[in-house]
Protein backbone atom coordinates (compact mmCIF):
# COMPACT_ATOMS: atom_id res chain seq x y z
CA MET A 1 3.80 8.91 -32.54
CA THR A 2 3.16 11.24 -35.78
CA LYS A 3 5.90 14.25 -35.35
CA LEU A 4 6.26 17.19 -37.59
CA ILE A 5 7.94 20.54 -38.01
CA GLU A 6 6.20 23.25 -39.34
CA VAL A 7 8.17 26.32 -40.63
CA SER A 8 6.39 29.35 -41.74
CA ILE A 9 8.53 31.67 -43.58
CA PRO A 10 5.86 34.63 -43.53
CA LEU A 11 5.46 34.12 -40.46
CA GLN A 12 8.59 33.37 -39.09
CA GLN A 13 7.59 30.77 -37.02
CA LEU A 14 8.22 27.02 -36.46
CA THR A 15 5.63 25.20 -34.90
CA PHE A 16 6.22 21.35 -33.35
CA TYR A 17 3.43 18.79 -34.13
CA GLU A 18 2.75 15.45 -32.06
CA ASN A 19 0.01 13.24 -33.38
CA ASN A 20 -1.60 16.56 -35.18
CA LYS A 21 -1.50 18.46 -32.03
CA ALA A 22 0.27 21.58 -31.78
CA VAL A 23 2.52 21.47 -28.96
CA LYS A 24 4.58 24.38 -29.04
CA ALA A 25 5.82 27.55 -31.69
CA TYR A 26 8.89 28.96 -31.82
CA SER A 27 10.39 32.65 -33.30
CA ILE A 28 12.52 32.07 -35.73
CA SER A 29 15.08 33.74 -38.65
CA SER A 30 14.88 32.08 -42.29
CA GLY A 31 17.13 33.33 -44.92
CA LYS A 32 18.15 37.08 -45.45
CA ASN A 33 17.70 36.48 -49.27
CA GLY A 34 14.29 34.97 -49.24
CA VAL A 35 12.94 31.25 -50.36
CA GLY A 36 14.56 29.33 -53.28
CA GLU A 37 16.54 26.22 -53.62
CA GLU A 38 19.18 27.06 -55.76
CA TRP A 39 22.98 26.21 -54.56
CA GLY A 40 24.58 28.95 -53.50
CA SER A 41 21.69 31.48 -53.12
CA GLU A 42 21.62 31.25 -49.05
CA LYS A 43 17.99 31.31 -49.51
CA THR A 44 15.76 28.53 -47.30
CA PRO A 45 14.29 26.03 -49.27
CA ARG A 46 10.68 25.20 -49.37
CA GLY A 47 8.60 22.33 -49.52
CA TRP A 48 9.09 19.03 -47.54
CA HIS A 49 11.91 17.59 -45.62
CA ARG A 50 13.07 15.15 -42.90
CA ILE A 51 15.75 15.51 -40.21
CA ARG A 52 18.64 13.41 -41.86
CA ALA A 53 20.79 13.83 -38.52
CA LYS A 54 20.79 15.44 -34.90
CA ILE A 55 24.00 16.73 -33.88
CA GLY A 56 25.22 17.91 -30.79
CA ALA A 57 23.44 15.63 -28.16
CA HIS A 58 24.72 16.65 -24.78
CA ALA A 59 26.93 19.79 -25.79
CA PRO A 60 26.96 22.89 -23.69
CA LEU A 61 24.68 25.84 -24.57
CA ASN A 62 26.69 28.00 -26.83
CA THR A 63 28.82 25.68 -28.25
CA VAL A 64 30.26 26.58 -31.47
CA PHE A 65 30.17 24.02 -34.64
CA ILE A 66 31.90 24.24 -38.13
CA SER A 67 30.94 21.74 -40.44
CA ARG A 68 28.92 19.86 -37.92
CA ARG A 69 31.58 19.34 -35.36
CA PRO A 70 32.09 21.43 -32.22
CA THR A 71 35.09 23.53 -32.44
CA GLY A 72 35.95 23.29 -28.40
CA GLU A 73 34.75 26.91 -28.35
CA ILE A 74 31.73 28.57 -26.59
CA TYR A 75 30.15 31.48 -27.95
CA SER A 76 29.90 34.73 -26.12
CA PRO A 77 29.14 38.57 -27.34
CA GLU A 78 33.08 39.06 -26.63
CA PHE A 79 34.54 36.15 -28.21
CA ALA A 80 32.61 37.26 -31.19
CA LYS A 81 33.66 40.61 -31.26
CA GLY A 82 37.27 39.73 -32.62
CA GLN A 83 35.06 37.51 -35.39
CA PRO A 84 32.71 40.17 -37.00
CA GLY A 85 30.43 38.73 -39.88
CA ARG A 86 30.86 34.71 -39.03
CA ASP A 87 27.91 32.94 -39.06
CA TRP A 88 27.59 31.35 -35.84
CA ILE A 89 25.92 27.92 -35.27
CA LEU A 90 25.53 27.19 -32.36
CA THR A 91 24.56 24.46 -29.48
CA ARG A 92 22.37 21.79 -31.82
CA ILE A 93 22.10 20.92 -35.37
CA LEU A 94 19.26 19.38 -37.13
CA TRP A 95 20.47 18.48 -40.48
CA LEU A 96 17.61 18.81 -42.94
CA CYS A 97 17.33 16.01 -46.19
CA GLY A 98 14.69 17.27 -49.00
CA LEU A 99 12.18 14.41 -50.14
CA GLU A 100 11.01 16.45 -52.93
CA PRO A 101 13.23 15.29 -56.48
CA GLY A 102 13.91 18.33 -58.42
CA LYS A 103 12.66 20.64 -55.85
CA ASN A 104 14.79 20.30 -52.69
CA ARG A 105 16.54 17.03 -53.52
CA HIS A 106 19.30 16.37 -55.93
CA GLY A 107 21.45 18.26 -58.20
CA SER A 108 21.87 21.97 -57.90
CA VAL A 109 18.77 22.01 -55.25
CA ASP A 110 19.28 19.49 -52.75
CA THR A 111 18.80 20.72 -49.12
CA MET A 112 21.32 18.36 -47.94
CA ARG A 113 24.24 18.97 -49.94
CA ARG A 114 23.62 22.75 -49.29
CA MET A 115 24.14 22.10 -45.63
CA VAL A 116 20.64 23.37 -44.65
CA TYR A 117 19.70 23.32 -40.88
CA ILE A 118 17.74 24.17 -38.18
CA HIS A 119 20.19 25.44 -35.52
CA GLY A 120 20.89 27.50 -32.52
CA ALA A 121 21.94 31.12 -32.59
CA PRO A 122 23.13 33.75 -30.79
CA ASP A 123 20.94 35.03 -27.96
CA GLU A 124 21.82 38.49 -29.44
CA VAL A 125 20.11 37.71 -32.99
CA SER A 126 16.96 38.96 -33.88
CA MET A 127 14.37 36.52 -34.29
CA GLY A 128 11.21 37.16 -36.14
CA ILE A 129 12.83 38.68 -39.44
CA PRO A 130 15.13 36.95 -42.17
CA GLY A 131 18.67 37.31 -41.08
CA SER A 132 20.41 33.93 -41.69
CA ARG A 133 22.44 32.45 -44.64
CA GLY A 134 19.38 30.25 -45.51
CA CYS A 135 19.18 28.35 -41.93
CA ILE A 136 16.50 28.47 -39.82
CA ARG A 137 18.09 30.07 -36.52
CA MET A 138 16.42 29.25 -33.04
CA ARG A 139 17.09 30.34 -29.74
CA ASN A 140 19.45 28.09 -28.03
CA ALA A 141 16.91 27.06 -25.40
CA ASP A 142 14.26 26.30 -28.02
CA ILE A 143 16.66 24.50 -30.01
CA VAL A 144 17.59 22.12 -27.12
CA GLU A 145 13.95 21.86 -26.34
CA LEU A 146 13.09 20.62 -29.83
CA PHE A 147 16.06 18.51 -30.15
CA GLU A 148 15.04 16.66 -27.34
CA TRP A 149 11.54 15.69 -29.02
CA VAL A 150 12.29 15.12 -32.87
CA ASP A 151 13.92 12.06 -34.48
CA THR A 152 15.44 11.27 -37.73
CA ALA A 153 12.09 10.30 -39.19
CA THR A 154 10.52 13.59 -38.36
CA LYS A 155 9.44 15.43 -41.34
CA VAL A 156 9.79 19.17 -41.81
CA TYR A 157 7.63 21.26 -44.27
CA ILE A 158 8.65 24.49 -44.90
CA ASP A 159 6.28 27.12 -46.56
CA GLY A 160 7.33 30.42 -48.47
C-alpha cells in the first residue's frame, strides 16, 4: 500500500492518499510567517519529507506535549487562560524529516532539527489560515484519524 500526505499551503489543506487515491482532505494551519526552510524563521518548510516518528499513540485528546513528551496536562480553554501566547502542541505528533539535502535536510535548513511537526491544536484555533510557528496544525479529531492511517515510511509533500 502506497501512502502519501500532500500539504497545500495556498489552500491550507492536507490530503491523505492511499494507492494514489485521495482518501480524505483536512483543513490545516501552517506557518504564520509563510514558507521557508531557514532555522529560526518559524516558516513551514517546503518539499519532500517523511514521517520520522509518530508520538502520542493512545494519549487522550488534548494531551499537552512539550519537546515531544506529554506533560501530564490536558488542554482546556480555562487552563490556557493562565498561559497566553503558549504554542500548544496537542494530542498527537507526526515529526517530519526532510528528504532533500540542502533544501530541507542538513545544516540550517534541516526540518527534523527545526522540530517541524504535524500536530493537534486547540479547537478554538482557526484552521484554513496560517497561524503556527512553522508546523502544520490540525484539529485534534483529525490528527487522531490521520495518525492511525500513516506510518514512519509515509512521505509528505509540502507545496508552497
